[in-house]
């Protein structure tokens, strides 16, 4: 009887490839205050995970929020 080795890549979760950012990191990238990011999270406009007493935001969600809330004439 042979046991096949299962590679880690066979069971990778897509979430594993997306970096989690702190509220401070999102605020620094966007050049806004941490309170602005907290407000977006609280209002449900920016998805976030609660980790202990803090929040983490997936980088893809931060990028998507910016993409959806950027005026078209500024994209060029």
N, C-alpha and C. Protein backbone atom coordinates (compact mmCIF):
# COMPACT_ATOMS: atom_id res chain seq x y z
N UNK A 1 0.85 -1.18 0.00
CA UNK A 1 0.00 0.00 0.00
C UNK A 1 0.89 1.24 0.00
N UNK A 2 0.60 2.14 -0.89
CA UNK A 2 1.41 3.34 -1.01
C UNK A 2 0.60 4.57 -0.61
N UNK A 3 1.23 5.45 0.09
CA UNK A 3 0.58 6.70 0.47
C UNK A 3 1.13 7.80 -0.41
N UNK A 4 0.24 8.48 -1.10
CA UNK A 4 0.67 9.59 -1.94
C UNK A 4 0.88 10.81 -1.06
N UNK A 5 1.93 11.51 -1.35
CA UNK A 5 2.21 12.74 -0.61
C UNK A 5 1.30 13.84 -1.13
N UNK A 6 0.67 14.52 -0.23
CA UNK A 6 -0.22 15.62 -0.61
C UNK A 6 0.58 16.91 -0.51
N UNK A 7 0.67 17.58 -1.62
CA UNK A 7 1.39 18.86 -1.66
C UNK A 7 0.54 19.95 -1.05
N UNK A 8 1.19 20.89 -0.39
CA UNK A 8 0.47 22.01 0.22
C UNK A 8 -0.31 22.79 -0.83
N UNK A 9 0.23 22.86 -2.05
CA UNK A 9 -0.44 23.63 -3.09
C UNK A 9 -1.78 23.01 -3.50
N UNK A 10 -1.97 21.72 -3.20
CA UNK A 10 -3.23 21.07 -3.52
C UNK A 10 -4.39 21.57 -2.65
N UNK A 11 -4.07 22.13 -1.52
CA UNK A 11 -5.10 22.54 -0.57
C UNK A 11 -4.98 24.01 -0.19
N UNK A 12 -4.40 24.80 -1.04
CA UNK A 12 -4.21 26.21 -0.71
C UNK A 12 -5.54 26.94 -0.74
N UNK A 13 -5.68 27.80 0.19
CA UNK A 13 -6.86 28.64 0.30
C UNK A 13 -6.53 29.97 -0.38
N UNK A 14 -7.41 30.50 -1.23
CA UNK A 14 -7.11 31.77 -1.90
C UNK A 14 -6.85 32.90 -0.92
N UNK A 15 -7.41 32.80 0.28
CA UNK A 15 -7.19 33.84 1.28
C UNK A 15 -5.72 33.90 1.68
N UNK A 16 -5.03 32.74 1.64
CA UNK A 16 -3.63 32.70 2.04
C UNK A 16 -2.74 33.61 1.19
N UNK A 17 -3.19 33.92 -0.01
CA UNK A 17 -2.38 34.73 -0.91
C UNK A 17 -2.69 36.22 -0.80
N UNK A 18 -3.58 36.59 0.07
CA UNK A 18 -3.97 37.98 0.20
C UNK A 18 -3.49 38.51 1.54
N UNK A 19 -2.74 39.56 1.49
CA UNK A 19 -2.17 40.12 2.71
C UNK A 19 -3.23 40.82 3.56
N UNK A 20 -3.15 40.62 4.85
CA UNK A 20 -4.00 41.34 5.78
C UNK A 20 -3.29 42.60 6.22
N UNK A 21 -4.00 43.71 6.17
CA UNK A 21 -3.44 45.00 6.56
C UNK A 21 -4.10 45.49 7.85
N UNK A 22 -3.34 46.20 8.65
CA UNK A 22 -3.92 46.84 9.83
C UNK A 22 -4.65 48.10 9.38
N UNK A 23 -5.46 48.63 10.27
CA UNK A 23 -6.15 49.89 9.98
C UNK A 23 -5.13 50.99 9.73
N UNK A 24 -4.06 50.99 10.50
CA UNK A 24 -3.01 52.01 10.33
C UNK A 24 -2.35 51.89 8.95
N UNK A 25 -2.13 50.67 8.48
CA UNK A 25 -1.52 50.48 7.17
C UNK A 25 -2.44 50.95 6.05
N UNK A 26 -3.74 50.66 6.17
CA UNK A 26 -4.70 51.12 5.17
C UNK A 26 -4.73 52.65 5.17
N UNK A 27 -4.79 53.23 6.36
CA UNK A 27 -4.84 54.69 6.48
C UNK A 27 -3.59 55.33 5.86
N UNK A 28 -2.44 54.73 6.08
CA UNK A 28 -1.20 55.28 5.52
C UNK A 28 -1.20 55.18 4.00
N UNK A 29 -1.66 54.05 3.45
CA UNK A 29 -1.71 53.89 2.00
C UNK A 29 -2.66 54.90 1.37
N UNK A 30 -3.78 55.12 2.03
CA UNK A 30 -4.80 56.02 1.48
C UNK A 30 -4.54 57.49 1.85
N UNK A 31 -3.60 57.72 2.76
CA UNK A 31 -3.30 59.07 3.27
C UNK A 31 -4.53 59.72 3.91
N UNK A 32 -5.18 58.92 4.76
CA UNK A 32 -6.31 59.41 5.55
C UNK A 32 -6.05 59.03 7.01
N UNK A 33 -6.90 59.50 7.90
CA UNK A 33 -6.73 59.16 9.31
C UNK A 33 -7.23 57.75 9.59
N UNK A 34 -6.73 57.17 10.68
CA UNK A 34 -7.21 55.84 11.08
C UNK A 34 -8.70 55.90 11.38
N UNK A 35 -9.17 57.02 11.90
CA UNK A 35 -10.60 57.16 12.23
C UNK A 35 -11.46 57.03 10.96
N UNK A 36 -10.98 57.53 9.84
CA UNK A 36 -11.71 57.40 8.58
C UNK A 36 -11.86 55.93 8.21
N UNK A 37 -10.80 55.15 8.36
CA UNK A 37 -10.85 53.72 8.05
C UNK A 37 -11.77 53.01 9.03
N UNK A 38 -11.64 53.33 10.33
CA UNK A 38 -12.53 52.72 11.32
C UNK A 38 -14.00 53.01 11.01
N UNK A 39 -14.27 54.23 10.57
CA UNK A 39 -15.64 54.61 10.24
C UNK A 39 -16.17 53.79 9.07
N UNK A 40 -15.34 53.59 8.05
CA UNK A 40 -15.75 52.77 6.90
C UNK A 40 -16.02 51.33 7.32
N UNK A 41 -15.20 50.80 8.21
CA UNK A 41 -15.40 49.44 8.72
C UNK A 41 -16.70 49.39 9.53
N UNK A 42 -16.86 50.33 10.44
CA UNK A 42 -18.06 50.36 11.29
C UNK A 42 -19.34 50.46 10.48
N UNK A 43 -19.31 51.26 9.41
CA UNK A 43 -20.49 51.47 8.58
C UNK A 43 -20.72 50.35 7.57
N UNK A 44 -19.83 49.35 7.57
CA UNK A 44 -19.98 48.22 6.67
C UNK A 44 -19.56 48.51 5.23
N UNK A 45 -18.87 49.61 5.01
CA UNK A 45 -18.44 49.98 3.66
C UNK A 45 -17.11 49.36 3.28
N UNK A 46 -16.35 48.92 4.28
CA UNK A 46 -15.06 48.28 4.06
C UNK A 46 -15.03 46.99 4.88
N UNK A 47 -15.02 45.84 4.22
CA UNK A 47 -15.01 44.57 4.96
C UNK A 47 -13.74 44.44 5.79
N UNK A 48 -13.87 43.89 6.99
CA UNK A 48 -12.72 43.71 7.87
C UNK A 48 -12.94 42.52 8.78
N UNK A 49 -11.84 41.97 9.25
CA UNK A 49 -11.87 40.88 10.22
C UNK A 49 -11.54 41.45 11.59
N UNK A 50 -12.21 40.96 12.59
CA UNK A 50 -11.89 41.36 13.96
C UNK A 50 -10.85 40.36 14.48
N UNK A 51 -9.72 40.87 14.91
CA UNK A 51 -8.65 40.05 15.48
C UNK A 51 -8.38 40.59 16.88
N UNK A 52 -8.91 39.88 17.87
CA UNK A 52 -8.80 40.40 19.23
C UNK A 52 -9.57 41.70 19.33
N UNK A 53 -8.86 42.76 19.70
CA UNK A 53 -9.50 44.07 19.81
C UNK A 53 -9.24 44.96 18.60
N UNK A 54 -8.58 44.42 17.59
CA UNK A 54 -8.26 45.23 16.42
C UNK A 54 -8.91 44.65 15.16
N UNK A 55 -8.78 45.37 14.07
CA UNK A 55 -9.33 44.95 12.79
C UNK A 55 -8.21 44.72 11.79
N UNK A 56 -8.46 43.82 10.85
CA UNK A 56 -7.57 43.60 9.73
C UNK A 56 -8.40 43.66 8.46
N UNK A 57 -7.80 44.24 7.42
CA UNK A 57 -8.49 44.42 6.14
C UNK A 57 -7.67 43.68 5.08
N UNK A 58 -8.35 42.86 4.28
CA UNK A 58 -7.65 42.21 3.18
C UNK A 58 -7.24 43.28 2.17
N UNK A 59 -6.02 43.15 1.68
CA UNK A 59 -5.50 44.13 0.73
C UNK A 59 -6.41 44.24 -0.49
N UNK A 60 -6.94 43.11 -0.97
CA UNK A 60 -7.83 43.15 -2.14
C UNK A 60 -9.08 43.97 -1.86
N UNK A 61 -9.60 43.91 -0.62
CA UNK A 61 -10.79 44.69 -0.27
C UNK A 61 -10.47 46.18 -0.22
N UNK A 62 -9.29 46.52 0.26
CA UNK A 62 -8.87 47.92 0.29
C UNK A 62 -8.73 48.46 -1.14
N UNK A 63 -8.10 47.66 -2.01
CA UNK A 63 -7.95 48.07 -3.41
C UNK A 63 -9.30 48.22 -4.11
N UNK A 64 -10.18 47.26 -3.86
CA UNK A 64 -11.51 47.29 -4.48
C UNK A 64 -12.30 48.51 -4.02
N UNK A 65 -12.20 48.85 -2.75
CA UNK A 65 -12.91 50.02 -2.23
C UNK A 65 -12.42 51.29 -2.94
N UNK A 66 -11.12 51.40 -3.10
CA UNK A 66 -10.57 52.57 -3.81
C UNK A 66 -11.04 52.58 -5.26
N UNK A 67 -11.00 51.42 -5.90
CA UNK A 67 -11.43 51.34 -7.31
C UNK A 67 -12.88 51.77 -7.47
N UNK A 68 -13.73 51.32 -6.56
CA UNK A 68 -15.16 51.62 -6.66
C UNK A 68 -15.49 53.07 -6.31
N UNK A 69 -14.61 53.71 -5.56
CA UNK A 69 -14.90 55.07 -5.09
C UNK A 69 -13.94 56.10 -5.66
N UNK A 70 -13.36 55.80 -6.81
CA UNK A 70 -12.49 56.74 -7.50
C UNK A 70 -13.24 57.30 -8.70
N UNK A 71 -13.19 58.59 -8.86
CA UNK A 71 -13.86 59.22 -9.99
C UNK A 71 -13.20 58.77 -11.29
N UNK A 72 -13.99 58.44 -12.32
CA UNK A 72 -13.44 57.92 -13.58
C UNK A 72 -12.39 58.84 -14.21
N UNK A 73 -12.54 60.15 -14.11
CA UNK A 73 -11.58 61.06 -14.73
C UNK A 73 -10.23 61.04 -14.02
N UNK A 74 -10.16 60.48 -12.82
CA UNK A 74 -8.90 60.40 -12.09
C UNK A 74 -8.18 59.09 -12.32
N UNK A 75 -8.80 58.15 -13.01
CA UNK A 75 -8.18 56.85 -13.26
C UNK A 75 -7.12 56.92 -14.34
N UNK A 76 -7.20 57.90 -15.21
CA UNK A 76 -6.26 58.02 -16.33
C UNK A 76 -4.92 58.56 -15.90
